[in-house]
N, C-alpha and C. Protein backbone atom coordinates (compact mmCIF):
# COMPACT_ATOMS: atom_id res chain seq x y z
N ASP A 1 94.06 95.44 108.48
CA ASP A 1 94.20 93.82 108.58
C ASP A 1 95.38 93.40 108.90
N LYS A 2 95.77 92.62 109.50
CA LYS A 2 97.23 91.73 109.16
C LYS A 2 97.40 90.67 108.57
N VAL A 3 99.12 90.93 107.98
CA VAL A 3 99.68 90.01 107.10
C VAL A 3 100.72 89.38 107.94
N LYS A 4 100.61 88.81 108.07
CA LYS A 4 101.72 87.73 108.51
C LYS A 4 102.30 86.53 107.78
N SER A 5 103.99 86.62 108.07
CA SER A 5 104.46 85.73 106.99
C SER A 5 104.08 83.96 107.26
N GLU A 6 103.27 83.74 108.20
CA GLU A 6 103.07 82.17 108.05
C GLU A 6 101.62 82.20 106.92
N TYR A 7 101.30 82.96 106.38
CA TYR A 7 100.23 83.08 105.66
C TYR A 7 100.89 82.98 104.28
N ILE A 8 101.88 83.96 104.06
CA ILE A 8 102.36 84.10 102.49
C ILE A 8 103.67 83.88 102.69
N GLU A 9 104.18 82.95 101.80
CA GLU A 9 105.68 82.63 102.02
C GLU A 9 106.35 83.16 101.40
N GLU A 10 106.54 84.67 100.56
CA GLU A 10 107.06 85.43 100.14
C GLU A 10 107.40 86.54 101.10
N LEU A 11 106.68 86.62 102.43
CA LEU A 11 107.10 87.37 103.44
C LEU A 11 107.90 87.07 104.56
N GLY A 12 109.00 86.23 103.68
CA GLY A 12 109.85 85.76 105.29
C GLY A 12 110.98 86.63 105.36
N ASP A 13 111.44 87.97 104.72
CA ASP A 13 112.33 88.56 105.29
C ASP A 13 112.45 89.61 106.63
N THR A 14 113.47 89.67 107.14
CA THR A 14 113.50 90.82 108.66
C THR A 14 113.78 91.67 108.18
N PHE A 15 113.63 92.79 109.48
CA PHE A 15 113.85 94.01 109.19
C PHE A 15 114.16 94.69 110.50
N ASP A 16 115.58 95.48 110.79
CA ASP A 16 115.79 95.75 112.13
C ASP A 16 114.90 97.20 112.51
N LEU A 17 114.02 97.37 113.34
CA LEU A 17 113.20 98.39 113.66
C LEU A 17 113.38 98.94 114.83
N VAL A 18 112.80 100.61 114.76
CA VAL A 18 113.10 100.63 116.33
C VAL A 18 111.68 101.82 116.84
N ILE A 19 111.46 101.69 117.78
CA ILE A 19 109.86 102.67 118.22
C ILE A 19 110.23 104.03 118.06
N ILE A 20 109.45 104.72 117.36
CA ILE A 20 109.90 106.29 117.19
C ILE A 20 108.57 106.84 117.70
N GLY A 21 107.36 106.03 117.91
CA GLY A 21 106.09 106.73 118.66
C GLY A 21 105.56 105.71 119.11
N GLY A 22 104.53 106.21 119.83
CA GLY A 22 103.29 105.35 120.42
C GLY A 22 101.57 105.96 120.21
N TYR A 23 100.71 104.93 120.55
CA TYR A 23 99.17 105.51 120.16
C TYR A 23 98.39 104.94 121.61
N PHE A 24 98.03 106.22 121.67
CA PHE A 24 96.95 106.01 123.17
C PHE A 24 96.01 105.55 122.64
N GLY A 25 95.66 104.34 123.49
CA GLY A 25 94.26 103.48 123.36
C GLY A 25 92.98 104.08 123.97
N ASN A 26 91.94 103.72 123.60
CA ASN A 26 90.52 104.07 123.61
C ASN A 26 90.21 103.97 124.99
N GLN A 27 89.47 104.41 125.49
CA GLN A 27 88.98 104.00 127.22
C GLN A 27 89.42 102.82 127.48
N LYS A 28 88.35 102.14 126.69
CA LYS A 28 88.31 100.55 127.17
C LYS A 28 89.92 99.89 127.06
N ARG A 29 90.61 100.48 126.38
CA ARG A 29 92.26 99.97 126.11
C ARG A 29 93.41 100.65 127.58
N ILE A 30 93.07 101.85 127.87
CA ILE A 30 93.65 102.52 128.34
C ILE A 30 93.97 101.74 129.82
N GLY A 31 95.12 101.78 130.36
CA GLY A 31 95.78 101.03 131.75
C GLY A 31 95.21 101.90 132.98
N GLY A 32 95.64 101.49 134.12
CA GLY A 32 95.26 102.03 135.23
C GLY A 32 96.04 102.71 135.98
N GLY A 33 97.63 102.84 135.21
CA GLY A 33 98.39 103.22 135.97
C GLY A 33 98.46 105.06 135.74
N GLN A 34 99.19 105.36 136.94
CA GLN A 34 99.05 107.19 136.79
C GLN A 34 100.20 107.68 135.72
N ASP A 35 100.94 107.03 135.54
CA ASP A 35 101.94 107.53 134.02
C ASP A 35 101.49 107.61 132.76
N TRP A 36 101.50 108.56 131.84
CA TRP A 36 100.90 108.72 130.84
C TRP A 36 101.53 107.33 129.54
N THR A 37 102.45 106.79 130.27
CA THR A 37 103.03 105.39 129.37
C THR A 37 102.44 104.39 129.57
N ASP A 38 101.25 104.74 130.58
CA ASP A 38 100.30 103.32 130.71
C ASP A 38 99.54 102.96 130.12
N SER A 39 98.92 104.27 128.64
CA SER A 39 97.75 104.65 128.05
C SER A 39 98.07 104.12 126.62
N VAL A 40 100.10 103.68 126.62
CA VAL A 40 100.30 103.66 124.92
C VAL A 40 99.60 101.95 124.82
N THR A 41 98.90 101.74 123.88
CA THR A 41 98.92 100.18 123.61
C THR A 41 99.05 99.70 122.03
N HIS A 42 99.79 100.64 121.12
CA HIS A 42 100.60 100.47 120.07
C HIS A 42 101.78 101.17 119.96
N PHE A 43 102.79 100.42 119.10
CA PHE A 43 103.90 101.11 118.71
C PHE A 43 104.42 101.28 117.57
N LEU A 44 104.10 102.86 117.01
CA LEU A 44 104.98 103.57 115.55
C LEU A 44 106.39 102.90 115.64
N MET A 45 106.72 101.80 114.44
CA MET A 45 107.92 101.44 114.29
C MET A 45 108.46 102.05 113.06
N GLY A 46 109.73 102.52 113.00
CA GLY A 46 110.42 102.86 111.90
C GLY A 46 111.72 101.92 111.29
N ILE A 47 112.73 102.42 109.50
CA ILE A 47 113.41 101.61 109.61
C ILE A 47 114.12 102.88 109.81
N VAL A 48 115.83 102.56 110.00
CA VAL A 48 116.72 103.21 109.71
C VAL A 48 117.40 103.20 108.51
N HIS A 49 117.26 104.39 107.80
CA HIS A 49 117.73 104.49 106.34
C HIS A 49 118.56 105.48 106.63
N GLY A 50 120.13 105.50 105.92
CA GLY A 50 121.25 106.27 106.24
C GLY A 50 120.65 107.18 107.08
N ASP A 51 120.86 108.75 107.14
CA ASP A 51 120.45 109.38 108.60
C ASP A 51 119.22 109.41 108.71
N LYS A 52 118.27 108.67 108.05
CA LYS A 52 116.51 109.16 108.09
C LYS A 52 115.90 108.08 108.88
N VAL A 53 115.04 108.07 109.64
CA VAL A 53 114.02 106.89 110.02
C VAL A 53 112.61 107.32 109.35
N ILE A 54 112.57 105.88 108.53
CA ILE A 54 111.44 106.11 107.69
C ILE A 54 110.13 105.46 108.64
N PRO A 55 108.73 106.34 109.26
CA PRO A 55 107.85 105.00 109.69
C PRO A 55 107.52 103.97 108.98
N PHE A 56 107.18 102.79 109.26
CA PHE A 56 107.18 101.49 108.90
C PHE A 56 105.93 100.89 109.04
N CYS A 57 105.43 101.13 110.42
CA CYS A 57 104.70 99.93 110.45
C CYS A 57 103.93 100.38 112.38
N ARG A 58 103.11 99.98 112.34
CA ARG A 58 101.94 99.97 113.57
C ARG A 58 102.35 98.68 114.39
N VAL A 59 102.69 98.30 115.49
CA VAL A 59 102.51 96.84 116.14
C VAL A 59 101.63 97.13 117.61
N GLY A 60 100.91 96.10 117.81
CA GLY A 60 100.29 95.88 119.53
C GLY A 60 101.52 95.22 120.36
N THR A 61 101.03 95.48 121.40
CA THR A 61 101.75 94.85 122.42
C THR A 61 102.01 93.46 122.44
N GLY A 62 100.73 92.83 121.88
CA GLY A 62 100.24 91.18 122.37
C GLY A 62 100.02 91.35 123.84
N TYR A 63 99.81 92.07 124.53
CA TYR A 63 99.82 91.92 126.07
C TYR A 63 98.21 92.40 126.09
N SER A 64 97.58 91.50 127.37
CA SER A 64 95.97 91.64 127.92
C SER A 64 96.40 92.95 128.60
N ASN A 65 95.15 93.72 129.45
CA ASN A 65 94.86 94.74 129.81
C ASN A 65 95.44 94.32 131.40
N ASP A 66 95.25 93.56 131.64
CA ASP A 66 95.86 92.81 133.23
C ASP A 66 97.62 92.59 132.94
N GLU A 67 97.87 92.20 131.77
CA GLU A 67 99.36 92.16 131.91
C GLU A 67 100.42 93.68 131.38
N LEU A 68 99.43 94.21 130.72
CA LEU A 68 99.89 95.86 130.80
C LEU A 68 100.12 96.18 132.14
């Protein structure tokens, strides 16, 4: 389920996130390119905390197949 700050006023904080991984799409969402990165449809984001990176959330690109 999506949780957006527009829906809940208390969710107004911001975070500095880094990309730490990616998820490959199913057959309908896989891009048509030759490179393996053409198949990444979501990114795993993490928060840097001291000398560690803590996985935080998964985000979609927001782009359609044609745009990707």
